[in-house]
Protein backbone atom coordinates (compact mmCIF):
# COMPACT_ATOMS: atom_id res chain seq x y z
CA MET A 1 -23.89 3.20 -38.22
CA THR A 2 -25.50 2.79 -34.67
CA LYS A 3 -23.16 0.62 -32.20
CA ALA A 4 -25.09 -2.29 -31.01
CA THR A 5 -25.00 -2.66 -27.34
CA THR A 6 -25.67 -5.81 -24.72
CA SER A 7 -27.60 -5.12 -21.32
CA LEU A 8 -25.56 -5.89 -18.66
CA PRO A 9 -25.27 -8.58 -16.83
CA CYS A 10 -24.86 -10.84 -19.74
CA PHE A 11 -24.91 -14.58 -18.78
CA VAL A 12 -23.39 -17.83 -20.50
CA THR A 13 -24.29 -20.96 -18.74
CA LEU A 14 -22.13 -23.80 -19.70
CA THR A 15 -23.06 -26.35 -17.20
CA PRO A 16 -26.77 -26.27 -15.55
CA ALA A 17 -27.32 -25.91 -12.05
CA ALA A 18 -27.80 -29.42 -10.33
CA ALA A 19 -31.31 -29.91 -9.55
CA GLY A 20 -32.51 -29.99 -5.96
CA GLY A 21 -30.70 -28.25 -3.03
CA THR A 22 -30.03 -24.65 -2.49
CA PRO A 23 -27.44 -23.05 -4.61
CA THR A 24 -24.72 -21.36 -2.44
CA VAL A 25 -22.10 -19.15 -4.13
CA GLY A 26 -18.77 -18.64 -2.19
CA THR A 27 -16.28 -15.74 -3.30
CA LEU A 28 -14.11 -12.88 -2.20
CA GLY A 29 -15.01 -11.06 0.94
CA PRO A 30 -15.47 -9.63 3.39
CA PRO A 31 -18.57 -7.71 3.09
CA GLY A 32 -18.58 -4.80 0.48
CA THR A 33 -16.43 -6.42 -2.48
CA SER A 34 -17.21 -6.11 -6.09
CA SER A 35 -17.21 -10.13 -5.39
CA GLU A 36 -19.65 -10.33 -3.13
CA LEU A 37 -21.99 -7.98 -5.53
CA ALA A 38 -21.30 -10.50 -8.57
CA ALA A 39 -21.83 -13.66 -6.12
CA THR A 40 -25.29 -12.26 -4.86
CA LEU A 41 -26.33 -11.80 -8.38
CA LEU A 42 -25.19 -15.33 -9.37
CA ALA A 43 -27.21 -16.76 -6.52
CA GLY A 44 -30.21 -14.73 -7.56
CA ARG A 45 -29.91 -16.19 -10.94
CA LEU A 46 -29.41 -19.82 -9.73
CA GLY A 47 -32.67 -20.16 -7.67
CA ALA A 48 -31.61 -18.76 -4.37
CA ALA A 49 -34.93 -16.76 -4.08
CA ASP A 50 -33.32 -14.62 -1.34
CA PRO A 51 -29.68 -14.23 -1.73
CA GLY A 52 -27.90 -13.19 1.36
CA THR A 53 -28.30 -14.14 5.16
CA VAL A 54 -31.84 -15.15 5.47
CA GLU A 55 -33.25 -14.99 8.95
CA GLY A 56 -33.47 -18.46 10.39
CA GLY A 57 -32.22 -20.00 6.83
CA PRO A 58 -28.98 -20.63 5.15
CA THR A 59 -26.58 -18.18 3.59
CA ARG A 60 -26.82 -18.06 -0.05
CA VAL A 61 -23.89 -16.04 -0.43
CA ARG A 62 -20.52 -17.12 1.64
CA LEU A 63 -17.54 -14.75 1.94
CA PHE A 64 -14.10 -15.70 2.41
CA ASP A 65 -10.53 -14.19 2.91
CA THR A 66 -9.34 -15.13 -0.23
CA TYR A 67 -10.28 -16.74 -3.47
CA GLU A 68 -8.57 -19.95 -2.69
CA ARG A 69 -10.22 -20.51 0.36
CA ALA A 70 -13.63 -20.02 -1.57
CA GLY A 71 -12.03 -22.68 -3.52
CA SER A 72 -11.23 -25.15 -0.72
CA ALA A 73 -14.88 -24.46 0.58
CA LEU A 74 -16.18 -25.65 -3.09
CA ARG A 75 -14.04 -28.86 -2.72
CA ALA A 76 -15.31 -29.57 0.80
CA ARG A 77 -19.13 -29.07 -0.76
CA LEU A 78 -19.65 -26.12 1.70
CA VAL A 79 -20.85 -24.10 -1.47
CA THR A 80 -21.99 -24.93 -4.69
CA HIS A 81 -20.37 -22.50 -7.02
CA VAL A 82 -17.21 -20.14 -6.52
CA VAL A 83 -17.24 -16.64 -8.31
CA VAL A 84 -13.72 -15.56 -9.25
CA ALA A 85 -13.01 -12.09 -11.24
CA ASN A 86 -10.96 -12.68 -14.67
CA ALA A 87 -8.76 -9.63 -13.51
CA TYR A 88 -7.64 -11.77 -10.50
CA LYS A 89 -3.70 -12.66 -11.15
CA ALA A 90 -4.30 -16.44 -10.21
CA VAL A 91 -7.62 -17.02 -12.02
CA HIS A 92 -5.76 -19.61 -14.11
CA GLU A 93 -5.34 -21.79 -11.26
CA PHE A 94 -9.27 -22.12 -11.14
CA TYR A 95 -9.28 -23.21 -14.84
CA MET A 96 -6.44 -25.45 -14.87
CA ASP A 97 -7.72 -27.35 -11.77
CA PRO A 98 -9.09 -30.82 -12.56
CA ASP A 99 -11.59 -30.55 -9.51
CA PHE A 100 -13.10 -27.42 -10.81
CA GLU A 101 -15.35 -26.75 -13.97
CA LEU A 102 -16.37 -23.83 -15.39
CA ALA A 103 -20.18 -23.32 -15.03
CA VAL A 104 -20.96 -19.73 -15.80
CA VAL A 105 -19.39 -16.72 -17.36
CA PHE A 106 -21.13 -13.65 -16.95
CA VAL A 107 -20.32 -9.54 -17.65
CA LEU A 108 -21.17 -7.45 -15.02
CA ASP A 109 -19.73 -3.75 -14.03
CA THR A 110 -18.10 -3.47 -10.84
CA PRO A 111 -19.82 -0.86 -8.02
CA MET A 112 -18.26 2.42 -8.22
CA TYR A 113 -14.28 2.60 -7.30
CA GLY A 114 -12.51 5.58 -5.73
CA ILE A 115 -9.66 6.79 -3.50
CA ALA A 116 -11.24 7.34 -0.19
CA LYS A 117 -9.93 8.68 3.31
CA ARG A 118 -11.34 8.31 6.80
CA ARG A 119 -14.25 10.89 6.97
CA GLY A 120 -13.14 13.92 8.61
CA ALA A 121 -9.48 12.87 8.47
CA GLY A 122 -7.02 15.80 7.67
CA ALA A 123 -4.88 16.19 4.49
CA SER A 124 -2.93 13.32 3.18
CA PRO A 125 0.67 13.38 3.54
CA PRO A 126 2.96 14.19 0.11
CA SER A 127 3.47 10.38 -0.41
CA PRO A 128 0.43 8.92 1.12
CA THR A 129 -0.05 5.23 1.65
CA ILE A 130 -2.97 3.62 -0.51
CA ALA A 131 -4.35 0.23 0.22
CA SER A 132 -5.60 -1.78 -2.74
CA HIS A 133 -6.14 -5.17 -4.12
CA PRO A 134 -3.51 -5.83 -6.62
CA SER A 135 -5.75 -6.32 -9.51
CA PRO A 136 -7.20 -2.63 -9.56
CA VAL A 137 -3.91 -0.90 -8.89
CA PRO A 138 -3.72 0.44 -12.25
CA ILE A 139 -6.53 2.57 -12.18
CA ILE A 140 -4.81 4.68 -8.92
CA GLY A 141 -2.76 6.65 -11.53
CA GLN A 142 -5.90 7.31 -13.44
CA LEU A 143 -7.90 8.53 -10.44
CA LEU A 144 -5.08 10.65 -9.53
CA ASN A 145 -4.61 11.95 -12.88
CA GLY A 146 -0.95 10.66 -12.77
CA SER A 147 -0.08 13.42 -10.03
CA GLY A 148 1.54 13.04 -6.78
CA ALA A 149 3.92 10.28 -5.44
CA HIS A 150 2.41 7.31 -3.19
CA VAL A 151 3.05 3.93 -2.09
CA VAL A 152 0.73 1.07 -2.51
CA MET A 153 0.05 -1.52 0.11
CA HIS A 154 -1.35 -4.45 -1.02
CA ALA A 155 -4.66 -6.01 0.44
CA ASP A 156 -6.46 -9.02 0.05
CA SER A 157 -9.81 -7.29 -1.26
CA THR A 158 -11.23 -3.84 -1.89
CA SER A 159 -13.09 -4.03 1.39
CA SER A 160 -10.05 -5.12 3.52
CA ALA A 161 -8.44 -2.23 1.94
CA ALA A 162 -11.20 0.05 2.88
CA LEU A 163 -10.81 -1.25 6.45
CA ALA A 164 -6.91 -0.40 6.48
CA ALA A 165 -7.67 3.04 5.96
CA ALA A 166 -10.82 3.39 8.36
CA GLU A 167 -8.37 1.77 10.94
CA GLY A 168 -5.84 4.14 10.23
CA ARG A 169 -3.28 1.59 9.03
CA VAL A 170 -2.60 3.49 5.55
CA ASP A 171 -3.81 7.06 4.66
CA LEU A 172 -6.18 6.06 1.78
CA ALA A 173 -7.67 3.33 -0.07
CA LEU A 174 -8.54 2.35 -3.39
CA THR A 175 -12.25 0.68 -2.86
CA THR A 176 -15.74 0.47 -3.80
CA ALA A 177 -18.55 2.79 -2.52
CA PRO A 178 -20.48 -0.05 -0.77
CA ALA A 179 -17.26 -0.59 1.29
CA ALA A 180 -16.51 3.02 1.83
CA GLN A 181 -20.24 3.39 2.99
CA LEU A 182 -19.56 0.53 5.41
CA TYR A 183 -16.37 1.93 6.92
CA ASP A 184 -17.58 5.72 6.80
CA LEU A 185 -14.94 6.38 4.33
CA GLU A 186 -15.24 9.66 1.83
CA PHE A 187 -14.28 9.47 -1.66
CA ILE A 188 -10.97 12.27 -2.39
CA THR A 189 -11.33 11.43 -6.05
CA ARG A 190 -13.73 10.79 -9.03
CA THR A 191 -15.35 7.54 -9.23
CA ARG A 192 -15.31 4.86 -12.05
CA CYS A 193 -16.74 1.37 -12.24
CA ILE A 194 -14.68 -1.65 -14.08
CA ARG A 195 -16.51 -3.67 -16.74
CA MET A 196 -15.64 -7.16 -15.57
CA VAL A 197 -15.69 -10.83 -16.85
CA TRP A 198 -16.84 -13.27 -13.75
CA SER A 199 -15.93 -16.82 -13.82
CA ALA A 200 -18.36 -19.34 -11.60
CA PHE A 201 -17.09 -22.56 -10.83
CA VAL A 202 -18.59 -25.89 -9.70
CA LEU A 203 -17.19 -29.41 -9.04
CA SER A 204 -16.08 -31.35 -11.83
CA ASP A 205 -18.25 -34.45 -12.86
CA PRO A 206 -15.87 -37.49 -12.28
CA ALA A 207 -17.51 -39.39 -14.97
CA GLN A 208 -16.94 -36.49 -17.68
CA ALA A 209 -13.45 -36.59 -16.14
CA THR A 210 -12.86 -40.24 -17.02
CA THR A 211 -14.27 -40.06 -20.39
CA GLU A 212 -12.06 -36.85 -21.51
CA SER A 213 -9.09 -38.90 -20.03
CA ASP A 214 -10.09 -41.87 -21.91
CA GLY A 215 -10.02 -39.77 -25.36
CA VAL A 216 -13.62 -40.67 -25.92
CA ALA A 217 -16.00 -37.97 -27.45
């Protein structure tokens, strides 16, 4: 039997984008994160013809230190959408927040992940420190083939982890290929992507919220 496959990315739109204006998508930065890739893809789908920073024009994708700060920007109407990885441990906060409404769900493979060091750095110590966002920590053991002691240092994002390695604050980083290139790191392990579900939230419609609270179908 032939296994059915679905081409990626795969989108399910629950709430159409509002007419007029320019879609602006907030997510986790700094540059080089998987979230930036996902947000850029969504911005293009929403009609931002030239995602990213346009010379002399508005920013279609805005990056924040945390997903929560991106959510605050949505509340302040500084962005129209916020993209959050469903692997994020606190994604439930966005789902349960009455100010937010789930607008789009999509499946997208992340960029390649691997463990990297500063280019030209010497051999790692017997028990290296490895910077990583908390969500992908389980793949560290996979990439190291279960061998070798190590100490995980949590970072706010995969790109922040790469920066920590580049600055010598840690020995290694679990990071993405774009971030490794940005901070001139080199992979010391094999790389792999992560098939991820992403959620895009918008501000909820007060009228809809009132209808639901009144128990009107």
